Amino acid sequence: MGGKLNKPLARERYTWLSVHTSRSTVAEYMRVEWHTVGGICQRVYKDLKANSPSRFESLVNIDIDETSYKKAIST
């Protein structure tokens, strides 16, 4: 891969565009193959996943009594 694809700012640009448009649009706009766009997005995802805490780490269990909930709404 070329040097321009390894820079963090370029990777963020590719990823941001991929979220808001299709891969083929990003590939055409950035003048790369659409396979390259997919690879960049996968690397960014792996980096984010490795550097962020678990999404379930601070999960709290909340119980809802459906019967009481319906009574409170209807009164």
Protein backbone atom coordinates (compact mmCIF):
# COMPACT_ATOMS: atom_id res chain seq x y z
CA MET A 1 0.00 0.00 0.00
CA GLY A 2 1.04 3.52 -0.63
CA GLY A 3 2.22 5.85 2.08
CA LYS A 4 -0.86 8.03 1.84
CA LEU A 5 -3.06 5.16 3.07
CA ASN A 6 -1.08 4.67 6.27
CA LYS A 7 -1.45 8.21 7.59
CA PRO A 8 -4.04 8.46 10.37
CA LEU A 9 -5.78 11.47 8.82
CA ALA A 10 -6.18 9.72 5.46
CA ARG A 11 -7.49 6.58 7.17
CA GLU A 12 -10.04 8.67 9.07
CA ARG A 13 -11.09 10.36 5.84
CA TYR A 14 -11.63 7.03 4.06
CA THR A 15 -13.54 5.62 7.02
CA TRP A 16 -15.73 8.68 7.48
CA LEU A 17 -16.62 8.69 3.79
CA SER A 18 -17.38 4.96 3.94
CA VAL A 19 -19.87 5.50 6.74
CA HIS A 20 -21.71 8.15 4.75
CA THR A 21 -21.42 6.78 1.20
CA SER A 22 -20.81 3.50 -0.61
CA ARG A 23 -17.40 1.88 -1.07
CA SER A 24 -17.50 2.44 -4.79
CA THR A 25 -18.18 6.16 -4.30
CA VAL A 26 -15.26 6.44 -1.88
CA ALA A 27 -13.03 4.51 -4.25
CA GLU A 28 -13.91 6.79 -7.15
CA TYR A 29 -13.54 9.96 -5.09
CA MET A 30 -10.23 8.96 -3.48
CA ARG A 31 -8.92 7.27 -6.67
CA VAL A 32 -8.26 3.83 -5.19
CA GLU A 33 -9.73 0.36 -5.70
CA TRP A 34 -12.86 -0.39 -3.68
CA HIS A 35 -11.05 -3.41 -2.16
CA THR A 36 -8.57 -0.95 -0.67
CA VAL A 37 -11.38 1.01 0.98
CA GLY A 38 -12.67 -2.17 2.64
CA GLY A 39 -9.20 -3.04 3.91
CA ILE A 40 -8.71 0.41 5.39
CA CYS A 41 -12.07 0.24 7.17
CA GLN A 42 -11.21 -3.17 8.59
CA ARG A 43 -7.89 -1.88 9.96
CA VAL A 44 -9.56 1.15 11.54
CA TYR A 45 -12.20 -1.10 13.13
CA LYS A 46 -9.53 -3.44 14.54
CA ASP A 47 -7.61 -0.47 15.96
CA LEU A 48 -10.73 0.97 17.57
CA LYS A 49 -11.75 -2.41 18.97
CA ALA A 50 -8.29 -3.04 20.43
CA ASN A 51 -8.03 0.41 22.05
CA SER A 52 -11.53 0.69 23.50
CA PRO A 53 -12.99 -1.00 26.55
CA SER A 54 -15.61 -3.67 26.22
CA ARG A 55 -19.07 -2.34 25.35
CA PHE A 56 -20.52 -4.57 28.05
CA GLU A 57 -18.05 -3.59 30.78
CA SER A 58 -20.35 -1.16 32.61
CA LEU A 59 -23.63 -2.84 31.68
CA VAL A 60 -26.31 -2.66 34.35
CA ASN A 61 -29.27 -5.03 34.52
CA ILE A 62 -32.60 -3.19 34.78
CA ASP A 63 -35.77 -5.19 35.43
CA ILE A 64 -39.14 -3.89 34.25
CA ASP A 65 -42.39 -5.28 35.57
CA GLU A 66 -44.57 -5.20 32.46
CA THR A 67 -47.85 -5.43 34.37
CA SER A 68 -47.06 -2.49 36.64
CA TYR A 69 -45.70 -0.52 33.71
CA LYS A 70 -48.97 -0.96 31.75
CA LYS A 71 -51.08 0.00 34.79
CA ALA A 72 -49.08 3.19 35.30
CA ILE A 73 -49.61 4.21 31.69
CA SER A 74 -53.35 3.49 31.60
CA THR A 75 -54.19 5.43 34.78
